[in-house]
Each structure stands twice: as C-alpha cells, then as structure tokens.
Amino acid sequence: MPPLMEVLEFLDNTDRVMVRRVPENGECEIKWGAQLTVRESQKAVFFRDGKALDVFGPGRYVLETQNIPVVAKWVTEFAYGPASPFRSEVYFISMKLFPNLKWGTREPIIFRDKELKMIRLRAHGIFSIQIADPVVFLNKIVGTRQLYTDIEIEDYLRGIIITRLTDALGTTLKTVFDLPQDFSELSIVIRTELGPDFDGLGLKLHDFYLNSIALPPEVQQMIDTRAGMAAVGNLDDFMRFKVAMALETAAANPSGLAAAGTGMGAGLGMGVMMPQFIQQALAQPPREPAREEDPMTKIRKLKELLDLGAISQAEFGEKKKKLLEAI
C-alpha cells in the first residue's frame, strides 16, 4: 500500500509558483483525517476522481466526513477503518499578486501614420495579474500539471496583449508625434480590451502599463530633422550665425589662414579684424543683386585699364567696338 500523507501544506520559496499539486505524484495517498493547512495568500481545491469537490480558504482543516461530505459514501464502502486513504489530490492556488510581468513585440507592428504614412512600431511594458477563479484557472490553464509558474503563462498572455495593442493603435493613435500625450490613454484602452480575455481564464488583470513605443532608426532621424528645422526658425539668421562661427573657428587656426593665401598677413591680422566681420555677418541684411552697368560706363573702365597698361590698344579697340554695337 502507498504511504499515507498526514499533513498537506505548501510553502513557496521562489515567489513565482501559481499552482502546486499535493501529492506530487501517484506514490502517496491522502490519509483519512489528514490535516490541510491553507495560508492567507492561498486557496486549496480538493479533487477526487478527477472532479473538483470543494475549495478551501485560509485555515486548518481535518479531511473527514464533516468537512467533505461527498466522500462519506466512498469511504464506507471499504473496510479500512479510520485510516482509509483518499485516492485524490489537493491543488494549492496562490492568490497573491504576480507583479512586474513583461510584455513586448517580438516582431514590429505595421502602423498607418497620418503624417509619416506606413511605419513599423515596437512596444513593451509591464502588467500584473491575480488568480480570480481557482477552478476555472485550473481547468483551462493548468490541467493536471504538478507545478505551474507565472513564467509559463507570461508568453501566452503576451500574445493576447499584442493582439489588443494592435487594435488599440489602429483606433486610438493617429500619428506618432502625439505619442507622449497618448500613452496613458492607450494604456487604459488596452487594459479595458484585455479584461474579458483575462476573465475567461480565471485571471484578474490588476494593472497594465505601456512603457514605450520604439520607432525605426530612419523614422527617428526624420523626427529629429523636423525638430531641428523648427528650432532653427529664420533660415537667413541661422546662416549668418553659421558664417560667424566659421570665421571664429578660422581665427583660432592661424596656420590654416596663412596656407589659404588670404593676403592678410596671416592669422593675427584676421584675428584683429574678426569682431568687425562677425558684426557685419550678424547685422548686415542680404545684399540685392548688382545692377547691370551701361555700355558707356564699361568703356570708361576699359579706358582706365588701358591707361594703367593692364590691357593693350588692340584689346581696348575690340572690346570698345562690341560695347558700341550694343548701344
């Protein structure tokens, strides 16, 4: 005859066990009159012949006829006396809160943005659950398993969350530019949508948080560019500022100016004139396009070049002829 268990209790040292079956296997049987101890954070479901007969709340129980009347007839059919064994098992259900369970998108979600068109999004967050209906949870999720932890159900619940997240994004969010102000609203919508799914499993969704929605790198770059353009403001003022910064950088590098052949006596002279250049760059309005000179003015300038010896008499005559033809 298998050994008889006289004390039935379960203590969880890992803080992750949701359900534990006692006896753990078929090598033991529960003794008639055995003591069942259920803690404040537990409930115990008594099974016989594959059926849930009763659910025990916190307290100490003696497994006899007065506590479980359903087994009275079954016991008296055998002449085992007061030590008759139960061919049954007890499932200890942890009723505590299982916090900080994580969810996230393994594959990006395709989202139609009203400004950026089709983009791919990734999201992640945390949620917490409690067992609300021990019998429903046992029959639908645990089955006949000896041990069941929150790690094992986390993956299954993650799939349900992603489905409801996809629905909520399509109905609530219009553009990713509104995400910071829509996080709380999205979390509430998703939690409401998940309620019936969790209830059907005998679970209660205690809280649900959407921590972040990640954008593809190229979309992030587009947003940064857009923000940068808005920060620049007036483009003309920005260009004058950039010119002034470039001149200041050049003044700090005398060798660069000398190598460039500026003809200004190297970097020292440039450094002396730098304040004036910066002031002109920041204050001077954009120049209007130079007006086209009339032919007579150009002929006078050509004569001055001839007198200085910069051009020959033949070059002067040829240019003068062309300018006179244009009159």
Protein backbone atom coordinates (compact mmCIF):
# COMPACT_ATOMS: atom_id res chain seq x y z
CA MET A 1 0.00 0.00 0.00
CA PRO A 2 1.40 3.50 -0.85
CA PRO A 3 2.46 5.72 2.08
CA LEU A 4 -0.23 7.96 3.55
CA MET A 5 0.14 11.72 3.86
CA GLU A 6 -0.99 13.14 7.21
CA VAL A 7 -0.18 16.85 6.65
CA LEU A 8 -0.95 18.77 3.47
CA GLU A 9 0.58 22.25 3.02
CA PHE A 10 2.74 24.15 0.58
CA LEU A 11 5.26 26.98 1.07
CA ASP A 12 6.64 28.81 -1.99
CA ASN A 13 10.26 29.96 -1.64
CA THR A 14 10.52 31.18 -5.24
CA ASP A 15 7.55 33.61 -5.13
CA ARG A 16 6.65 32.52 -8.68
CA VAL A 17 4.52 29.39 -8.19
CA MET A 18 0.89 29.86 -9.14
CA VAL A 19 -0.32 26.27 -8.64
CA ARG A 20 1.17 23.26 -6.83
CA ARG A 21 -0.35 19.77 -6.63
CA VAL A 22 -0.11 17.62 -3.48
CA PRO A 23 0.74 14.74 -3.53
CA GLU A 24 3.27 15.50 -6.23
CA ASN A 25 2.85 12.09 -7.88
CA GLY A 26 0.93 8.86 -7.51
CA GLU A 27 3.29 7.34 -4.95
CA CYS A 28 1.38 8.79 -1.97
CA GLU A 29 -2.25 8.85 -0.85
CA ILE A 30 -4.05 11.25 1.50
CA LYS A 31 -4.87 9.74 4.89
CA TRP A 32 -8.41 9.91 6.23
CA GLY A 33 -8.27 12.58 8.94
CA ALA A 34 -5.19 14.29 7.46
CA GLN A 35 -4.70 17.98 8.25
CA LEU A 36 -4.89 20.55 5.44
CA THR A 37 -3.32 23.96 6.15
CA VAL A 38 -4.13 26.86 3.80
CA ARG A 39 -2.34 30.20 4.21
CA GLU A 40 -3.92 33.65 3.86
CA SER A 41 -2.45 34.06 0.37
CA GLN A 42 -3.70 30.64 -0.78
CA LYS A 43 -6.74 28.62 -1.66
CA ALA A 44 -6.89 24.83 -1.92
CA VAL A 45 -9.01 22.90 -4.41
CA PHE A 46 -9.83 19.31 -3.40
CA PHE A 47 -10.10 16.81 -6.27
CA ARG A 48 -11.36 13.21 -6.25
CA ASP A 49 -11.86 11.03 -9.28
CA GLY A 50 -10.88 13.94 -11.48
CA LYS A 51 -13.58 16.27 -10.13
CA ALA A 52 -13.22 19.41 -8.04
CA LEU A 53 -15.30 18.78 -4.92
CA ASP A 54 -14.57 21.82 -2.77
CA VAL A 55 -12.48 25.00 -2.49
CA PHE A 56 -10.87 25.70 0.91
CA GLY A 57 -10.00 29.22 2.05
CA PRO A 58 -7.35 30.14 4.67
CA GLY A 59 -7.36 27.95 7.78
CA ARG A 60 -6.67 24.42 9.11
CA TYR A 61 -8.95 21.56 8.09
CA VAL A 62 -9.24 17.89 9.04
CA LEU A 63 -10.17 15.83 6.00
CA GLU A 64 -13.13 13.88 7.37
CA THR A 65 -16.78 13.40 6.52
CA GLN A 66 -17.93 16.60 8.22
CA ASN A 67 -15.55 18.68 6.11
CA ILE A 68 -16.05 16.79 2.82
CA PRO A 69 -19.46 15.05 2.96
CA VAL A 70 -19.18 13.95 -0.66
CA VAL A 71 -16.54 11.34 0.20
CA ALA A 72 -18.51 9.69 3.04
CA LYS A 73 -20.20 7.02 0.97
CA TRP A 74 -16.98 6.23 -0.90
CA VAL A 75 -15.04 5.69 2.35
CA THR A 76 -17.61 3.44 3.97
CA GLU A 77 -17.53 1.07 1.00
CA PHE A 78 -14.12 -0.11 2.19
CA ALA A 79 -13.27 -1.73 5.48
CA TYR A 80 -10.10 0.27 6.02
CA GLY A 81 -11.27 1.86 9.26
CA PRO A 82 -10.29 5.40 10.33
CA ALA A 83 -7.05 5.32 8.36
CA SER A 84 -8.78 4.79 4.98
CA PRO A 85 -6.84 6.67 2.26
CA PHE A 86 -8.19 9.20 -0.22
CA ARG A 87 -7.42 8.44 -3.89
CA SER A 88 -7.35 12.16 -4.54
CA GLU A 89 -5.20 15.29 -4.64
CA VAL A 90 -5.19 18.89 -3.46
CA TYR A 91 -4.13 21.83 -5.64
CA PHE A 92 -2.73 24.81 -3.74
CA ILE A 93 -3.56 28.05 -5.58
CA SER A 94 -1.56 31.20 -4.88
CA MET A 95 -3.95 34.15 -4.65
CA LYS A 96 -1.23 36.78 -4.29
CA LEU A 97 -0.41 39.44 -6.86
CA PHE A 98 2.10 38.42 -9.52
CA PRO A 99 3.68 41.78 -10.44
CA ASN A 100 6.17 43.04 -13.00
CA LEU A 101 5.35 40.57 -15.75
CA LYS A 102 6.82 41.81 -19.00
CA TRP A 103 5.33 42.01 -22.47
CA GLY A 104 6.75 43.26 -25.76
CA THR A 105 6.55 42.94 -29.52
CA ARG A 106 8.89 40.35 -30.97
CA GLU A 107 8.02 41.49 -34.50
CA PRO A 108 7.27 45.13 -35.38
CA ILE A 109 3.66 46.22 -35.84
CA ILE A 110 2.78 47.93 -39.14
CA PHE A 111 1.06 51.24 -38.37
CA ARG A 112 -0.55 53.72 -40.77
CA ASP A 113 0.58 57.17 -39.62
CA LYS A 114 -1.36 60.17 -40.96
CA GLU A 115 1.88 62.14 -41.43
CA LEU A 116 4.61 59.54 -41.98
CA LYS A 117 2.40 57.00 -43.81
CA MET A 118 3.31 53.34 -43.21
CA ILE A 119 5.84 52.75 -40.43
CA ARG A 120 6.84 49.86 -38.15
CA LEU A 121 6.50 50.16 -34.38
CA ARG A 122 7.78 48.15 -31.44
CA ALA A 123 6.31 48.42 -27.94
CA HIS A 124 6.90 46.98 -24.49
CA GLY A 125 5.64 47.35 -20.94
CA ILE A 126 4.67 45.51 -17.74
CA PHE A 127 1.49 44.10 -16.20
CA SER A 128 0.34 42.34 -13.02
CA ILE A 129 -2.17 39.52 -12.55
CA GLN A 130 -4.04 37.63 -9.83
CA ILE A 131 -5.96 34.36 -9.91
CA ALA A 132 -9.64 35.31 -9.57
CA ASP A 133 -11.36 31.93 -10.09
CA PRO A 134 -9.18 28.96 -8.98
CA VAL A 135 -11.36 26.25 -10.53
CA VAL A 136 -11.59 27.98 -13.94
CA PHE A 137 -7.85 28.65 -13.94
CA LEU A 138 -7.07 25.03 -13.06
CA ASN A 139 -9.34 23.56 -15.73
CA LYS A 140 -8.42 25.94 -18.55
CA ILE A 141 -4.73 26.62 -18.00
CA VAL A 142 -3.06 24.22 -15.56
CA GLY A 143 -4.81 20.92 -16.24
CA THR A 144 -3.12 18.02 -14.46
CA ARG A 145 0.34 19.56 -14.21
CA GLN A 146 2.15 19.21 -10.92
CA LEU A 147 3.66 22.70 -10.92
CA TYR A 148 2.71 25.89 -12.75
CA THR A 149 4.54 29.24 -12.54
CA ASP A 150 3.96 32.77 -13.81
CA ILE A 151 6.88 32.35 -16.24
CA GLU A 152 4.94 29.69 -18.13
CA ILE A 153 1.82 31.79 -18.58
CA GLU A 154 3.71 35.00 -19.40
CA ASP A 155 4.33 34.03 -23.04
CA TYR A 156 0.70 33.06 -23.58
CA LEU A 157 -0.63 36.31 -22.13
CA ARG A 158 1.91 38.30 -24.15
CA GLY A 159 0.30 37.09 -27.37
CA ILE A 160 -3.14 38.26 -26.19
CA ILE A 161 -1.73 41.66 -25.21
CA ILE A 162 -0.08 42.23 -28.60
CA THR A 163 -3.36 41.48 -30.38
CA ARG A 164 -5.26 44.05 -28.31
CA LEU A 165 -2.39 46.54 -28.65
CA THR A 166 -2.60 46.34 -32.44
CA ASP A 167 -6.34 47.02 -32.31
CA ALA A 168 -5.88 49.97 -29.94
CA LEU A 169 -3.18 51.57 -32.07
CA GLY A 170 -5.43 51.47 -35.12
CA THR A 171 -8.42 53.07 -33.36
CA THR A 172 -6.76 55.49 -30.89
CA LEU A 173 -3.45 56.73 -32.29
CA LYS A 174 -3.33 58.93 -35.40
CA THR A 175 0.34 59.86 -35.56
CA VAL A 176 3.47 59.00 -33.59
CA PHE A 177 4.01 62.73 -32.98
CA ASP A 178 1.12 62.52 -30.46
CA LEU A 179 2.59 59.57 -28.54
CA PRO A 180 3.77 61.37 -25.37
CA GLN A 181 0.26 62.64 -24.59
CA ASP A 182 -1.47 59.41 -25.66
CA PHE A 183 0.48 56.90 -23.51
CA SER A 184 -1.95 56.98 -20.59
CA GLU A 185 -4.99 56.85 -22.84
CA LEU A 186 -3.55 53.91 -24.78
CA SER A 187 -2.81 52.00 -21.57
CA ILE A 188 -6.40 52.45 -20.35
CA VAL A 189 -7.86 51.39 -23.70
CA ILE A 190 -5.69 48.26 -23.90
CA ARG A 191 -6.42 47.30 -20.28
CA THR A 192 -10.17 47.62 -20.91
CA GLU A 193 -9.92 45.47 -24.03
CA LEU A 194 -7.95 42.79 -22.16
CA GLY A 195 -10.44 42.48 -19.28
CA PRO A 196 -12.78 39.88 -20.88
CA ASP A 197 -9.84 37.81 -22.15
CA PHE A 198 -8.31 37.52 -18.68
CA ASP A 199 -11.69 36.91 -17.01
CA GLY A 200 -12.27 33.94 -19.28
CA LEU A 201 -9.05 32.36 -17.98
CA GLY A 202 -9.96 32.85 -14.31
CA LEU A 203 -7.47 35.73 -14.01
CA LYS A 204 -7.72 39.37 -13.00
CA LEU A 205 -5.59 41.98 -14.77
CA HIS A 206 -4.54 44.08 -11.80
CA ASP A 207 -2.61 46.74 -13.74
CA PHE A 208 -1.23 47.31 -17.22
CA TYR A 209 1.43 49.82 -18.33
CA LEU A 210 2.69 50.83 -21.76
CA ASN A 211 6.29 51.90 -21.11
CA SER A 212 7.46 52.85 -24.59
CA ILE A 213 6.82 52.65 -28.31
CA ALA A 214 10.03 52.48 -30.34
CA LEU A 215 10.33 53.82 -33.87
CA PRO A 216 12.68 52.58 -36.61
CA PRO A 217 16.02 54.48 -36.75
CA GLU A 218 15.17 56.17 -40.06
CA VAL A 219 11.87 57.46 -38.65
CA GLN A 220 13.65 58.76 -35.54
CA GLN A 221 16.08 60.61 -37.82
CA MET A 222 13.17 62.19 -39.70
CA ILE A 223 11.63 63.38 -36.42
CA ASP A 224 14.99 64.80 -35.27
CA THR A 225 15.38 66.62 -38.59
CA ARG A 226 11.91 68.07 -38.30
CA ALA A 227 12.56 69.22 -34.75
CA GLY A 228 15.87 70.75 -35.84
CA MET A 229 14.19 72.72 -38.62
CA ALA A 230 11.64 74.07 -36.17
CA ALA A 231 14.42 75.05 -33.76
CA VAL A 232 16.33 76.95 -36.47
CA GLY A 233 13.43 79.30 -37.15
CA ASN A 234 14.50 82.04 -39.61
CA LEU A 235 16.88 80.48 -42.13
CA ASP A 236 18.68 83.76 -43.00
CA ASP A 237 19.52 84.44 -39.37
CA PHE A 238 20.72 80.87 -38.99
CA MET A 239 23.06 81.17 -41.99
CA ARG A 240 24.55 84.43 -40.67
CA PHE A 241 25.19 82.70 -37.36
CA LYS A 242 26.91 79.77 -39.10
CA VAL A 243 29.17 82.19 -41.05
CA ALA A 244 30.15 83.98 -37.87
CA MET A 245 31.01 80.66 -36.18
CA ALA A 246 33.09 79.61 -39.16
CA LEU A 247 35.06 82.89 -39.07
CA GLU A 248 35.69 82.47 -35.36
CA THR A 249 36.98 78.94 -35.91
CA ALA A 250 39.26 80.17 -38.70
CA ALA A 251 40.71 82.91 -36.49
CA ALA A 252 41.74 80.30 -33.94
CA ASN A 253 43.81 78.49 -36.60
CA PRO A 254 46.42 80.96 -37.98
CA SER A 255 48.27 78.29 -40.00
CA GLY A 256 45.08 77.47 -41.90
CA LEU A 257 44.56 81.07 -42.91
CA ALA A 258 48.21 81.51 -43.98
CA ALA A 259 48.07 78.36 -46.10
CA ALA A 260 44.90 79.59 -47.75
CA GLY A 261 46.77 82.65 -49.04
CA THR A 262 44.35 85.25 -47.86
CA GLY A 263 46.90 88.02 -48.26
CA MET A 264 46.07 89.49 -44.89
CA GLY A 265 49.36 88.90 -43.12
CA ALA A 266 48.36 85.50 -41.62
CA GLY A 267 46.02 84.72 -38.77
CA LEU A 268 46.97 87.58 -36.47
CA GLY A 269 45.55 90.19 -38.80
CA MET A 270 42.42 88.10 -39.26
CA GLY A 271 42.00 87.85 -35.52
CA VAL A 272 42.19 91.64 -35.19
CA MET A 273 39.50 92.13 -37.86
CA MET A 274 37.32 89.26 -36.59
CA PRO A 275 34.91 91.29 -34.39
CA GLN A 276 34.10 93.57 -37.31
CA PHE A 277 33.47 90.61 -39.65
CA ILE A 278 31.20 88.90 -37.08
CA GLN A 279 29.22 92.07 -36.51
CA GLN A 280 28.74 92.57 -40.24
CA ALA A 281 27.73 88.92 -40.74
CA LEU A 282 25.11 89.08 -38.00
CA ALA A 283 23.75 92.56 -38.69
CA GLN A 284 24.12 93.10 -42.43
CA PRO A 285 20.92 92.41 -44.38
CA PRO A 286 21.05 90.27 -47.53
CA ARG A 287 22.56 92.18 -50.47
CA GLU A 288 20.47 92.98 -53.51
CA PRO A 289 21.72 91.65 -56.87
CA ALA A 290 24.14 94.07 -58.60
CA ARG A 291 22.59 96.10 -61.41
CA GLU A 292 23.87 95.70 -64.95
CA GLU A 293 26.23 98.58 -65.96
CA ASP A 294 25.51 100.55 -69.12
CA PRO A 295 27.97 100.28 -72.10
CA MET A 296 29.39 103.83 -71.66
CA THR A 297 30.38 103.09 -68.06
CA LYS A 298 32.11 99.92 -69.19
CA ILE A 299 34.00 101.87 -71.93
CA ARG A 300 35.27 104.36 -69.33
CA LYS A 301 36.51 101.47 -67.14
CA LEU A 302 38.23 99.93 -70.17
CA LYS A 303 39.99 103.29 -70.85
CA GLU A 304 41.25 103.35 -67.28
CA LEU A 305 42.65 99.85 -67.72
CA LEU A 306 44.33 100.96 -70.98
CA ASP A 307 45.92 103.95 -69.27
CA LEU A 308 47.21 101.68 -66.48
CA GLY A 309 48.70 99.34 -69.06
CA ALA A 310 46.52 96.42 -67.91
CA ILE A 311 45.27 95.85 -71.50
CA SER A 312 46.71 96.56 -74.96
CA GLN A 313 45.42 99.08 -77.52
CA ALA A 314 44.14 96.22 -79.67
CA GLU A 315 42.19 94.66 -76.78
CA PHE A 316 40.74 98.05 -75.92
CA GLY A 317 39.64 98.64 -79.50
CA GLU A 318 38.00 95.20 -79.80
CA LYS A 319 36.07 95.49 -76.51
CA LYS A 320 35.05 99.08 -77.28
CA LYS A 321 33.68 98.04 -80.71
CA LYS A 322 31.48 95.33 -79.10
CA LEU A 323 30.13 97.72 -76.44
CA LEU A 324 29.27 100.36 -79.05
CA GLU A 325 27.38 97.77 -81.09
CA ALA A 326 25.23 97.01 -78.03
CA ILE A 327 24.06 100.65 -77.79
